[in-house]
Amino acid sequence: MQPGLLVTDLDGTLLDRRGRVSERNRAALAAARAAGWHVAIATGRTWAESHRATDCVAEDALFIGAGGASLHWAGSGDVIATETVDARLAVELAHAIVDAGHRAHLLLDASLAGHDYVFVGTAKLDPATRWWLSEHPVTSRDWVAAPEGAHEELAGRVLRVGTIGASDEIAPIARVVEARYGAELAVRHWSALTAEEAVGSRTHMLEVFSPRADKWSMACVAADRLGIARERIVALGDGLNDLELIRNAPLGVAMANADARIRGIAAARTAAHDADGVAVAVEALLDGRLVRGWDGSAPGASRAPGAPA
């Protein structure tokens, strides 16, 4: 396959269960770049929340953050493009979340707002949120309620609106938000990353985006910027926010640990994130084995080059 754009998710894909990029994965991405491939990270995290992983790609690589709501230069974090939530709807959503007894999380374009989050309401932040804020270099403001003039302050700056809590508390809020705003916004609801669990946690998050914000759409923006035909995009992922990316990429690759819905639509499969699955797929890509129907999750497929059979 002619070199193009290689897009990889982070959590459950490029990162192992400890949140690290393995040496084999690093080496494979470096080999891809040496072979002429551009590499982009695509994650639900923001650029600031990915600071421990972006050093595995070149300074001038591209970074797709917030589930496809923003595009950055990987090295500097400078913003290239965004897809934002209408400020009026963002305020309405914040009120609905607060009325349901939770703190609303508004993720902002920090390059314009000067801070990463606004938290609305007085409910206690979930332990997973407090852990996340302590682990990453992000800044925030607190609003007891959205102030007068909030629409103007938030215009063009809201990348995502949501909240985090126990799954049985978040599910009812998600249903209400979906029923009320599903025609205008993209509503997503799934397990959150916590200090104890990387996948399948009982802590859930509600995330609401512009309907145009997803990883595939922003990968197309990235490819266009690089002058790469979309037919030359290869993507790797595991979770539901990778759905559009894996379904639409000409060669979408699911991790062995991926959600069943991702495995079901993927063109190929690779080993799990804890078994250097990204490297397994990239090595196959570089030697011409990665094609539709390829299954790198099969026994023996994840051997490092030169390893005995």
Protein backbone atom coordinates (compact mmCIF):
# COMPACT_ATOMS: atom_id res chain seq x y z
CA MET A 1 0.00 0.00 0.00
CA GLN A 2 1.32 3.44 -0.89
CA PRO A 3 2.25 5.43 2.24
CA GLY A 4 -0.50 7.67 3.55
CA LEU A 5 -1.94 8.56 6.97
CA LEU A 6 -1.79 6.10 9.87
CA VAL A 7 -4.25 7.04 12.62
CA THR A 8 -4.14 5.38 16.04
CA ASP A 9 -6.33 5.70 19.09
CA LEU A 10 -4.64 5.91 22.52
CA ASP A 11 -6.46 4.20 25.41
CA GLY A 12 -7.01 0.52 24.73
CA THR A 13 -5.00 0.80 21.50
CA LEU A 14 -1.56 2.44 21.55
CA LEU A 15 -1.36 2.59 25.36
CA ASP A 16 -1.04 -0.53 27.47
CA ARG A 17 -3.07 -1.04 30.64
CA ARG A 18 -0.54 1.09 32.56
CA GLY A 19 -1.06 3.97 30.16
CA ARG A 20 2.34 3.62 28.48
CA VAL A 21 3.54 3.29 24.88
CA SER A 22 5.67 0.15 24.61
CA GLU A 23 9.11 0.21 23.03
CA ARG A 24 7.90 -2.07 20.25
CA ASN A 25 5.01 0.27 19.46
CA ARG A 26 7.36 3.25 19.46
CA ALA A 27 9.75 1.48 17.13
CA ALA A 28 6.95 0.49 14.75
CA LEU A 29 5.64 4.05 14.50
CA ALA A 30 9.18 5.30 13.86
CA ALA A 31 9.59 2.71 11.11
CA ALA A 32 6.29 3.81 9.57
CA ARG A 33 7.45 7.44 9.51
CA ALA A 34 10.77 6.38 7.98
CA ALA A 35 8.81 4.55 5.27
CA GLY A 36 6.92 7.73 4.39
CA TRP A 37 3.77 7.35 6.49
CA HIS A 38 2.33 10.29 8.39
CA VAL A 39 1.18 9.28 11.87
CA ALA A 40 -1.68 10.88 13.77
CA ILE A 41 -3.03 10.20 17.25
CA ALA A 42 -6.82 10.28 17.61
CA THR A 43 -8.23 10.16 21.12
CA GLY A 44 -11.05 11.20 23.39
CA ARG A 45 -8.45 12.99 25.51
CA THR A 46 -7.42 16.58 24.94
CA TRP A 47 -3.89 17.41 23.81
CA ALA A 48 -2.95 18.48 27.35
CA GLU A 49 -4.32 15.20 28.73
CA SER A 50 -2.13 13.22 26.32
CA HIS A 51 1.21 14.80 27.23
CA ARG A 52 2.74 11.47 28.25
CA ALA A 53 2.02 9.83 24.89
CA THR A 54 2.60 12.40 22.16
CA ASP A 55 6.37 11.98 22.27
CA CYS A 56 5.94 8.74 20.30
CA VAL A 57 5.15 10.74 17.16
CA ALA A 58 7.03 13.49 15.35
CA GLU A 59 6.78 17.11 16.48
CA ASP A 60 5.05 17.97 13.21
CA ALA A 61 2.62 15.04 13.40
CA LEU A 62 -1.08 15.73 13.84
CA PHE A 63 -3.16 15.13 16.96
CA ILE A 64 -6.94 14.62 16.89
CA GLY A 65 -8.35 15.34 20.34
CA ALA A 66 -11.64 15.37 22.24
CA GLY A 67 -13.10 12.54 20.18
CA GLY A 68 -12.64 14.44 16.94
CA ALA A 69 -13.67 17.90 18.14
CA SER A 70 -10.17 19.37 17.73
CA LEU A 71 -7.08 19.04 15.54
CA HIS A 72 -3.62 20.10 16.75
CA TRP A 73 0.05 19.91 15.94
CA ALA A 74 1.27 17.05 18.13
CA GLY A 75 4.45 18.78 19.26
CA SER A 76 3.18 22.20 20.25
CA GLY A 77 -0.51 21.54 20.79
CA ASP A 78 -1.36 24.53 18.58
CA VAL A 79 -4.94 24.30 17.38
CA ILE A 80 -5.56 23.81 13.66
CA ALA A 81 -9.34 23.20 13.57
CA THR A 82 -12.29 22.61 15.90
CA GLU A 83 -15.93 21.47 15.81
CA THR A 84 -17.78 23.17 18.65
CA VAL A 85 -21.15 22.84 20.38
CA ASP A 86 -23.51 25.77 19.92
CA ALA A 87 -23.17 27.93 23.04
CA ARG A 88 -26.93 28.17 23.58
CA LEU A 89 -27.25 24.39 23.55
CA ALA A 90 -24.17 24.03 25.77
CA VAL A 91 -25.78 26.17 28.46
CA GLU A 92 -29.07 24.25 28.18
CA LEU A 93 -27.22 20.97 28.52
CA ALA A 94 -25.32 22.23 31.55
CA HIS A 95 -28.60 23.18 33.23
CA ALA A 96 -30.13 19.78 32.43
CA ILE A 97 -27.14 17.98 33.96
CA VAL A 98 -27.18 20.19 37.06
CA ASP A 99 -30.94 19.66 37.45
CA ALA A 100 -30.26 15.92 37.43
CA GLY A 101 -27.96 16.34 40.43
CA HIS A 102 -24.57 16.26 38.73
CA ARG A 103 -21.79 18.71 37.94
CA ALA A 104 -21.70 19.63 34.25
CA HIS A 105 -18.30 19.41 32.54
CA LEU A 106 -17.74 21.87 29.69
CA LEU A 107 -14.53 21.12 27.79
CA LEU A 108 -13.29 24.27 26.05
CA ASP A 109 -10.82 25.25 23.37
CA ALA A 110 -8.15 26.39 25.83
CA SER A 111 -6.35 28.41 23.17
CA LEU A 112 -9.34 30.77 23.16
CA ALA A 113 -10.76 30.36 26.67
CA GLY A 114 -7.50 30.34 28.62
CA HIS A 115 -8.52 27.23 30.56
CA ASP A 116 -9.55 23.67 29.72
CA TYR A 117 -12.79 23.12 31.64
CA VAL A 118 -15.70 24.94 33.18
CA PHE A 119 -17.53 22.93 35.84
CA VAL A 120 -21.12 24.05 36.40
CA GLY A 121 -23.12 23.32 39.56
CA THR A 122 -22.38 22.48 43.17
CA ALA A 123 -22.53 18.67 43.16
CA LYS A 124 -19.33 16.90 44.15
CA LEU A 125 -17.06 15.83 41.31
CA ASP A 126 -16.90 12.08 40.82
CA PRO A 127 -13.70 10.43 42.17
CA ALA A 128 -12.68 9.52 38.61
CA THR A 129 -12.85 13.19 37.63
CA ARG A 130 -10.84 14.29 40.66
CA TRP A 131 -8.21 11.65 39.86
CA TRP A 132 -8.09 12.73 36.20
CA LEU A 133 -7.61 16.40 37.11
CA SER A 134 -4.80 15.51 39.51
CA GLU A 135 -3.02 13.42 36.87
CA HIS A 136 -3.02 15.89 33.99
CA PRO A 137 -1.87 19.49 33.49
CA VAL A 138 -5.30 20.99 32.87
CA THR A 139 -6.90 24.12 34.29
CA SER A 140 -10.52 24.80 35.15
CA ARG A 141 -13.07 27.31 36.41
CA ASP A 142 -16.14 26.70 38.56
CA TRP A 143 -19.57 28.21 37.98
CA VAL A 144 -22.33 27.67 40.53
CA ALA A 145 -24.63 28.35 37.58
CA ALA A 146 -24.08 29.64 34.07
CA PRO A 147 -23.76 33.44 34.48
CA GLU A 148 -25.51 36.09 32.47
CA GLY A 149 -23.56 36.47 29.26
CA ALA A 150 -22.42 32.82 29.28
CA HIS A 151 -23.47 32.42 25.66
CA GLU A 152 -21.08 35.13 24.56
CA GLU A 153 -18.26 33.79 26.73
CA LEU A 154 -18.69 30.25 25.41
CA ALA A 155 -19.36 31.00 21.73
CA GLY A 156 -17.06 28.99 19.48
CA ARG A 157 -15.23 27.48 22.44
CA VAL A 158 -17.19 24.45 23.72
CA LEU A 159 -15.75 21.20 22.40
CA ARG A 160 -17.82 18.89 24.58
CA VAL A 161 -20.44 18.94 27.32
CA GLY A 162 -20.89 16.05 29.72
CA THR A 163 -20.58 14.56 33.16
CA ILE A 164 -19.19 11.49 34.91
CA GLY A 165 -20.68 9.24 37.58
CA ALA A 166 -21.91 5.76 38.42
CA SER A 167 -23.39 3.99 35.41
CA ASP A 168 -26.86 3.66 36.96
CA GLU A 169 -26.92 7.42 37.56
CA ILE A 170 -25.58 8.48 34.16
CA ALA A 171 -27.74 6.21 32.01
CA PRO A 172 -31.04 7.99 32.83
CA ILE A 173 -29.47 11.41 32.14
CA ALA A 174 -28.15 10.10 28.82
CA ARG A 175 -31.61 8.94 27.81
CA VAL A 176 -33.12 12.34 28.61
CA VAL A 177 -30.39 14.21 26.76
CA GLU A 178 -30.64 11.88 23.76
CA ALA A 179 -34.42 12.33 23.57
CA ARG A 180 -34.18 16.12 23.85
CA TYR A 181 -31.05 16.89 21.84
CA GLY A 182 -30.31 13.81 19.73
CA ALA A 183 -31.54 15.50 16.55
CA GLU A 184 -29.14 18.45 17.04
CA LEU A 185 -26.12 16.96 18.76
CA ALA A 186 -24.08 13.74 18.98
CA VAL A 187 -24.79 12.09 22.33
CA ARG A 188 -22.44 9.36 23.56
CA HIS A 189 -22.49 7.34 26.78
CA TRP A 190 -19.90 4.74 27.81
CA SER A 191 -17.40 3.56 30.43
CA ALA A 192 -14.92 6.09 31.72
CA LEU A 193 -11.21 5.65 32.35
CA THR A 194 -10.50 5.52 36.08
CA ALA A 195 -7.44 5.09 38.29
CA GLU A 196 -8.28 1.39 38.66
CA GLU A 197 -9.76 0.41 35.30
CA ALA A 198 -8.70 1.27 31.76
CA VAL A 199 -11.68 -0.39 30.08
CA GLY A 200 -15.09 -1.65 31.19
CA SER A 201 -15.33 0.44 34.34
CA ARG A 202 -18.59 0.89 36.25
CA THR A 203 -17.99 4.63 36.17
CA HIS A 204 -19.64 6.07 33.06
CA MET A 205 -19.42 9.34 31.20
CA LEU A 206 -21.95 11.26 29.18
CA GLU A 207 -20.40 13.19 26.29
CA VAL A 208 -22.24 15.54 23.94
CA PHE A 209 -20.59 16.94 20.81
CA SER A 210 -21.34 18.82 17.65
CA PRO A 211 -22.93 16.32 15.23
CA ARG A 212 -19.94 16.89 12.94
CA ALA A 213 -17.36 15.95 15.58
CA ASP A 214 -15.93 12.45 15.25
CA LYS A 215 -12.49 11.00 14.70
CA TRP A 216 -13.09 10.03 11.07
CA SER A 217 -14.28 13.51 10.07
CA MET A 218 -11.24 15.12 11.67
CA ALA A 219 -8.93 12.47 10.17
CA CYS A 220 -10.23 13.60 6.78
CA VAL A 221 -9.39 17.22 7.70
CA ALA A 222 -5.90 16.03 8.68
CA ALA A 223 -5.45 14.07 5.44
CA ASP A 224 -6.60 17.02 3.37
CA ARG A 225 -4.13 19.28 5.14
CA LEU A 226 -1.31 16.84 4.42
CA GLY A 227 -2.37 16.38 0.80
CA ILE A 228 -3.13 12.69 1.36
CA ALA A 229 -6.01 10.96 -0.44
CA ARG A 230 -8.56 9.53 1.98
CA GLU A 231 -8.16 6.17 0.26
CA ARG A 232 -4.72 5.98 1.90
CA ILE A 233 -5.90 6.21 5.53
CA VAL A 234 -5.25 3.27 7.87
CA ALA A 235 -6.83 3.45 11.32
CA LEU A 236 -6.54 1.46 14.55
CA GLY A 237 -8.96 1.57 17.49
CA ASP A 238 -10.89 -0.30 20.13
CA GLY A 239 -13.75 1.76 21.56
CA LEU A 240 -17.09 3.20 20.55
CA ASN A 241 -15.64 6.64 19.87
CA ASP A 242 -13.59 4.87 17.16
CA LEU A 243 -16.72 3.58 15.44
CA GLU A 244 -16.86 6.08 12.56
CA LEU A 245 -13.08 5.98 12.18
CA ILE A 246 -12.87 2.19 11.85
CA ARG A 247 -16.02 1.91 9.73
CA ASN A 248 -15.03 4.59 7.22
CA ALA A 249 -11.27 4.18 6.95
CA PRO A 250 -10.36 2.18 3.83
CA LEU A 251 -8.41 -0.10 6.17
CA GLY A 252 -9.85 0.00 9.69
CA VAL A 253 -8.12 -2.29 12.19
CA ALA A 254 -9.68 -3.43 15.48
CA MET A 255 -7.65 -4.40 18.51
CA ALA A 256 -8.22 -7.89 19.93
CA ASN A 257 -9.55 -6.19 23.09
CA ALA A 258 -11.92 -3.96 21.09
CA ASP A 259 -15.63 -3.63 21.75
CA ALA A 260 -17.51 -6.33 19.82
CA ARG A 261 -19.20 -3.65 17.72
CA ILE A 262 -15.78 -2.41 16.58
CA ARG A 263 -14.51 -5.89 15.81
CA GLY A 264 -17.67 -6.52 13.83
CA ILE A 265 -17.11 -3.65 11.38
CA ALA A 266 -13.32 -3.69 11.13
CA ALA A 267 -11.60 -4.71 7.91
CA ALA A 268 -8.80 -6.41 9.87
CA ARG A 269 -7.82 -7.32 13.42
CA THR A 270 -4.61 -7.07 15.39
CA ALA A 271 -3.34 -8.19 18.78
CA ALA A 272 -4.48 -6.60 22.05
CA HIS A 273 -3.17 -3.31 23.40
CA ASP A 274 -1.22 -5.21 26.05
CA ALA A 275 0.40 -7.37 23.35
CA ASP A 276 1.83 -4.57 21.18
CA GLY A 277 -1.15 -4.73 18.83
CA VAL A 278 -0.31 -1.43 17.13
CA ALA A 279 3.19 -2.70 16.34
CA VAL A 280 1.82 -6.01 15.10
CA ALA A 281 -0.42 -4.18 12.63
CA VAL A 282 2.19 -1.62 11.56
CA GLU A 283 4.82 -4.29 10.96
CA ALA A 284 2.29 -6.14 8.79
CA LEU A 285 1.47 -2.90 6.98
CA LEU A 286 5.10 -2.23 6.16
CA ASP A 287 5.76 -5.70 4.80
CA GLY A 288 2.54 -5.86 2.79
CA ARG A 289 0.56 -8.33 4.91
CA LEU A 290 -2.00 -5.89 6.31
CA VAL A 291 -4.96 -6.24 3.95
CA ARG A 292 -8.70 -6.63 4.37
CA GLY A 293 -9.44 -9.84 6.25
CA TRP A 294 -5.99 -10.00 7.91
CA ASP A 295 -6.13 -11.29 11.48
CA GLY A 296 -3.11 -10.38 13.57
CA SER A 297 -4.85 -11.50 16.73
CA ALA A 298 -4.35 -15.14 15.72
CA PRO A 299 -1.82 -17.24 17.68
CA GLY A 300 1.74 -16.49 16.59
CA ALA A 301 0.79 -13.35 14.65
CA SER A 302 2.10 -11.03 17.36
CA ARG A 303 5.70 -12.32 17.28
CA ALA A 304 8.28 -9.60 17.04
CA PRO A 305 10.38 -9.63 13.86
CA GLY A 306 13.03 -12.31 14.07
CA ALA A 307 11.39 -14.10 17.00
CA PRO A 308 11.32 -17.91 16.76
CA ALA A 309 8.05 -19.54 15.75
